[in-house]
């Protein structure tokens, strides 16, 4: 369990990943985790860890309140004008249809999964093996289950995974013949985010954007998860850990 959570919440250098939840999920998951800390599931926490965890919980509570209070700007009416780069990949009729665009993105992800899996299973001495495995670690470390999530959650998960590919790895992906495919996928998913109103394409009101508030709340949520892990580090404490972190595990 610990390896799954840390792989999803932190990158290979130990840095916190971008928010893996949309604002509604951040709010729901954070509130459920706080409720666990106020209930019977918290009985297994060591006494000396409680003040530290309470401090982290207080920060999360404040950031959830700030996220909940955010009021988005009014959406602009009409079709979204696709960029020339996106139009060079597919026609405007697809780019302005979220369901068709989603199906195209899923098909591109499926082909990337198949291509990288094929290269990853080649003999170890094959140069493409390491690159394929690195791409799979970024995109498909837990398979393709994320494409079965609701459309807005799937978009965010795809955005985060594509964003975790370093420029160096993107360049090296040309050895597998998928560099252009990855670039196209990034452009199309970016357009889908704008089409769904999930990325800022309108002027933001004064103060932090919803994305900023969601990032801050997500980081506080992750910090609380890490504090719980630190308080219950031993394998024999796995049940107590799972009882507290069930709201987070349920969303992964």
Protein backbone atom coordinates (compact mmCIF):
# COMPACT_ATOMS: atom_id res chain seq x y z
CA UNK A 1 0.00 0.00 0.00
CA UNK A 2 2.74 2.48 0.94
CA UNK A 3 4.50 2.05 -2.41
CA UNK A 4 1.28 2.69 -4.32
CA UNK A 5 0.46 5.88 -2.39
CA UNK A 6 3.97 7.31 -2.56
CA UNK A 7 4.25 6.52 -6.29
CA UNK A 8 1.00 8.38 -6.90
CA UNK A 9 1.67 11.34 -4.61
CA UNK A 10 5.41 11.93 -5.07
CA UNK A 11 7.79 11.80 -8.03
CA UNK A 12 11.09 9.88 -8.10
CA UNK A 13 12.96 12.74 -6.40
CA UNK A 14 10.49 12.90 -3.51
CA UNK A 15 8.87 16.12 -4.69
CA UNK A 16 5.10 16.51 -4.40
CA UNK A 17 3.37 15.92 -7.70
CA UNK A 18 0.80 18.35 -9.13
CA UNK A 19 -2.74 17.89 -7.80
CA UNK A 20 -4.07 14.48 -8.79
CA UNK A 21 -7.63 15.45 -7.87
CA UNK A 22 -9.96 18.04 -9.28
CA UNK A 23 -11.18 20.59 -6.71
CA UNK A 24 -14.38 18.67 -5.91
CA UNK A 25 -12.36 15.50 -5.23
CA UNK A 26 -9.80 17.38 -3.17
CA UNK A 27 -12.59 18.75 -1.00
CA UNK A 28 -14.36 15.41 -0.63
CA UNK A 29 -11.20 13.41 0.07
CA UNK A 30 -9.79 16.01 2.47
CA UNK A 31 -13.02 16.23 4.43
CA UNK A 32 -13.28 12.45 4.71
CA UNK A 33 -9.69 12.15 5.90
CA UNK A 34 -10.26 14.85 8.54
CA UNK A 35 -13.38 13.00 9.68
CA UNK A 36 -11.31 9.84 10.12
CA UNK A 37 -8.88 11.73 12.33
CA UNK A 38 -11.80 12.83 14.52
CA UNK A 39 -13.21 9.31 14.79
CA UNK A 40 -12.36 5.84 16.12
CA UNK A 41 -9.82 5.18 13.34
CA UNK A 42 -7.42 7.65 15.01
CA UNK A 43 -7.13 5.61 18.21
CA UNK A 44 -4.06 3.80 16.91
CA UNK A 45 -2.01 6.99 16.54
CA UNK A 46 0.88 7.32 19.00
CA UNK A 47 0.41 10.09 21.55
CA UNK A 48 3.66 11.85 20.63
CA UNK A 49 2.57 12.09 16.98
CA UNK A 50 -0.85 13.62 17.65
CA UNK A 51 0.25 17.29 17.98
CA UNK A 52 2.14 17.16 14.67
CA UNK A 53 -0.75 15.47 12.88
CA UNK A 54 -3.23 17.91 14.43
CA UNK A 55 -1.13 20.80 13.10
CA UNK A 56 -1.13 19.32 9.60
CA UNK A 57 -4.87 18.67 9.83
CA UNK A 58 -5.47 22.31 10.82
CA UNK A 59 -3.57 23.54 7.75
CA UNK A 60 -5.56 21.20 5.51
CA UNK A 61 -8.84 22.40 7.06
CA UNK A 62 -7.93 26.05 6.36
CA UNK A 63 -6.94 25.35 2.76
CA UNK A 64 -10.08 23.34 2.10
CA UNK A 65 -12.13 26.29 3.36
CA UNK A 66 -10.28 28.63 0.98
CA UNK A 67 -10.87 26.26 -1.93
CA UNK A 68 -14.54 25.88 -1.05
CA UNK A 69 -14.98 29.67 -0.97
CA UNK A 70 -13.59 30.18 -4.49
CA UNK A 71 -16.05 31.72 -6.96
CA UNK A 72 -15.18 31.01 -10.62
CA UNK A 73 -15.52 33.66 -13.34
CA UNK A 74 -18.51 33.39 -15.62
CA UNK A 75 -17.88 31.13 -18.59
CA UNK A 76 -17.80 32.67 -22.04
CA UNK A 77 -20.49 31.49 -24.45
CA UNK A 78 -19.82 29.96 -27.86
CA UNK A 79 -17.32 27.60 -29.37
CA UNK A 80 -13.70 27.55 -28.36
CA UNK A 81 -11.33 28.60 -31.12
CA UNK A 82 -8.78 25.76 -31.57
CA UNK A 83 -5.12 26.62 -31.94
CA UNK A 84 -3.46 26.15 -35.35
CA UNK A 85 -1.29 23.42 -33.79
CA UNK A 86 -4.35 21.46 -32.67
CA UNK A 87 -6.09 21.97 -36.04
CA UNK A 88 -3.04 20.49 -37.75
CA UNK A 89 -3.71 17.23 -35.88
CA UNK A 90 -7.49 16.86 -36.24
CA UNK A 91 -10.43 18.83 -37.59
CA UNK A 92 -12.44 21.48 -35.74
CA UNK A 93 -15.52 19.23 -35.58
CA UNK A 94 -13.62 16.84 -33.28
CA UNK A 95 -11.87 19.60 -31.34
CA UNK A 96 -15.22 21.11 -30.35
CA UNK A 97 -16.82 17.80 -29.36
CA UNK A 98 -15.55 16.72 -25.91
CA UNK A 99 -16.75 13.12 -26.27
CA UNK A 100 -15.14 12.58 -29.68
CA UNK A 101 -11.94 14.28 -28.55
CA UNK A 102 -11.89 12.12 -25.43
CA UNK A 103 -12.23 8.96 -27.53
CA UNK A 104 -9.33 10.11 -29.74
CA UNK A 105 -7.13 10.77 -26.70
CA UNK A 106 -8.01 7.36 -25.25
CA UNK A 107 -7.09 5.70 -28.57
CA UNK A 108 -3.73 7.52 -28.58
CA UNK A 109 -3.06 6.43 -24.99
CA UNK A 110 -3.97 2.84 -25.88
CA UNK A 111 -1.53 2.83 -28.80
CA UNK A 112 1.21 4.32 -26.60
CA UNK A 113 0.57 1.62 -24.02
CA UNK A 114 0.91 -1.10 -26.64
CA UNK A 115 4.01 0.38 -28.27
CA UNK A 116 5.90 1.00 -25.03
CA UNK A 117 4.93 -2.42 -23.66
CA UNK A 118 6.30 -4.09 -26.78
CA UNK A 119 9.63 -2.26 -26.46
CA UNK A 120 9.82 -2.79 -22.70
CA UNK A 121 9.70 -6.58 -23.20
CA UNK A 122 12.67 -6.66 -25.59
CA UNK A 123 16.03 -8.08 -24.39
CA UNK A 124 17.73 -5.94 -21.73
CA UNK A 125 20.60 -4.92 -24.01
CA UNK A 126 18.22 -3.29 -26.51
CA UNK A 127 18.65 0.52 -26.28
CA UNK A 128 14.90 1.21 -26.44
CA UNK A 129 14.10 -0.90 -23.37
CA UNK A 130 15.15 1.67 -20.79
CA UNK A 131 13.31 4.48 -22.59
CA UNK A 132 10.14 2.40 -22.92
CA UNK A 133 10.20 1.49 -19.24
CA UNK A 134 10.72 5.13 -18.25
CA UNK A 135 7.73 6.18 -20.37
CA UNK A 136 5.61 3.42 -18.86
CA UNK A 137 6.64 4.51 -15.36
CA UNK A 138 5.39 8.01 -16.17
CA UNK A 139 2.21 7.11 -18.07
CA UNK A 140 1.08 3.60 -17.18
CA UNK A 141 2.61 2.78 -13.79
CA UNK A 142 -0.81 1.49 -12.68
CA UNK A 143 -2.13 0.53 -16.11
CA UNK A 144 -4.84 2.43 -17.98
CA UNK A 145 -7.49 2.37 -15.26
CA UNK A 146 -7.47 6.16 -15.14
CA UNK A 147 -9.22 6.38 -18.53
CA UNK A 148 -12.29 4.78 -16.92
CA UNK A 149 -12.75 7.71 -14.54
CA UNK A 150 -15.22 10.54 -15.22
CA UNK A 151 -14.08 12.77 -18.05
CA UNK A 152 -12.81 15.67 -15.93
CA UNK A 153 -10.82 13.35 -13.63
CA UNK A 154 -9.42 11.47 -16.61
CA UNK A 155 -8.31 14.75 -18.15
CA UNK A 156 -6.44 15.77 -14.98
CA UNK A 157 -4.78 12.37 -14.63
CA UNK A 158 -3.64 12.47 -18.26
CA UNK A 159 -2.36 16.03 -17.80
CA UNK A 160 -0.35 15.05 -14.72
CA UNK A 161 1.16 11.97 -16.32
CA UNK A 162 2.15 13.75 -19.52
CA UNK A 163 3.59 16.57 -17.42
CA UNK A 164 5.85 14.14 -15.55
CA UNK A 165 7.74 13.28 -18.77
CA UNK A 166 11.00 15.23 -18.75
CA UNK A 167 12.19 17.08 -21.89
CA UNK A 168 15.11 14.64 -22.06
CA UNK A 169 12.81 11.61 -22.01
CA UNK A 170 10.55 13.21 -24.61
CA UNK A 171 13.57 13.67 -26.88
CA UNK A 172 14.70 10.09 -26.30
CA UNK A 173 11.20 8.81 -27.10
CA UNK A 174 11.97 9.43 -30.78
CA UNK A 175 13.91 6.14 -30.65
CA UNK A 176 10.56 4.41 -30.17
CA UNK A 177 8.88 6.54 -32.82
CA UNK A 178 6.42 8.08 -30.33
CA UNK A 179 7.80 11.60 -29.80
CA UNK A 180 5.35 13.23 -32.23
CA UNK A 181 2.51 11.14 -30.79
CA UNK A 182 3.32 12.38 -27.29
CA UNK A 183 3.48 15.99 -28.48
CA UNK A 184 0.13 15.63 -30.25
CA UNK A 185 -1.42 14.00 -27.20
CA UNK A 186 -0.23 16.88 -25.01
CA UNK A 187 -1.75 19.45 -27.39
CA UNK A 188 -5.06 17.63 -27.65
CA UNK A 189 -5.40 17.06 -23.93
CA UNK A 190 -4.57 20.73 -23.30
CA UNK A 191 -7.36 21.70 -25.71
CA UNK A 192 -9.77 19.28 -24.01
CA UNK A 193 -9.02 20.94 -20.66
CA UNK A 194 -9.89 24.34 -22.12
CA UNK A 195 -13.01 22.92 -23.78
CA UNK A 196 -14.19 21.49 -20.46
CA UNK A 197 -13.37 24.73 -18.64
CA UNK A 198 -10.76 23.00 -16.50
CA UNK A 199 -7.85 25.24 -17.47
CA UNK A 200 -7.74 29.00 -17.37
CA UNK A 201 -8.67 30.42 -20.77
CA UNK A 202 -10.44 33.43 -19.24
CA UNK A 203 -9.08 36.32 -17.18
CA UNK A 204 -9.00 35.30 -13.53
CA UNK A 205 -10.47 37.42 -10.73
CA UNK A 206 -8.13 39.02 -8.23
CA UNK A 207 -6.55 36.63 -5.79
CA UNK A 208 -5.44 33.00 -6.18
CA UNK A 209 -6.91 30.97 -9.03
CA UNK A 210 -8.87 27.81 -8.35
CA UNK A 211 -5.89 25.83 -9.64
CA UNK A 212 -3.61 27.54 -7.11
CA UNK A 213 -6.05 26.90 -4.27
CA UNK A 214 -6.44 23.28 -5.34
CA UNK A 215 -2.65 22.88 -5.45
CA UNK A 216 -2.30 24.31 -1.95
CA UNK A 217 -5.08 22.10 -0.58
CA UNK A 218 -3.67 19.03 -2.33
CA UNK A 219 -0.22 19.70 -0.90
CA UNK A 220 -1.72 20.01 2.59
CA UNK A 221 -3.58 16.74 2.03
CA UNK A 222 -0.38 14.99 0.93
CA UNK A 223 1.53 16.44 3.89
CA UNK A 224 -1.12 15.00 6.23
CA UNK A 225 -0.88 11.61 4.51
CA UNK A 226 2.91 11.70 4.94
CA UNK A 227 2.55 12.61 8.63
CA UNK A 228 0.25 9.62 9.17
CA UNK A 229 2.77 7.36 7.46
CA UNK A 230 5.54 8.73 9.67
CA UNK A 231 3.44 8.09 12.79
CA UNK A 232 2.60 4.51 11.73
CA UNK A 233 5.68 3.31 9.82
CA UNK A 234 5.84 -0.37 10.82
CA UNK A 235 4.33 -3.23 8.78
CA UNK A 236 2.34 -4.40 11.79
CA UNK A 237 0.66 -0.99 11.84
CA UNK A 238 -0.63 -1.44 8.29
CA UNK A 239 -4.24 -2.01 9.38
CA UNK A 240 -4.32 1.15 11.49
CA UNK A 241 -2.73 3.10 8.64
CA UNK A 242 -5.24 1.74 6.12
CA UNK A 243 -8.16 2.62 8.39
CA UNK A 244 -7.07 6.27 8.55
CA UNK A 245 -6.11 6.57 4.89
CA UNK A 246 -9.12 4.76 3.44
CA UNK A 247 -10.60 8.00 1.98
CA UNK A 248 -7.37 8.61 0.06
CA UNK A 249 -6.95 4.99 -1.03
CA UNK A 250 -10.53 4.94 -2.28
CA UNK A 251 -9.77 7.73 -4.74
CA UNK A 252 -6.57 6.24 -6.19
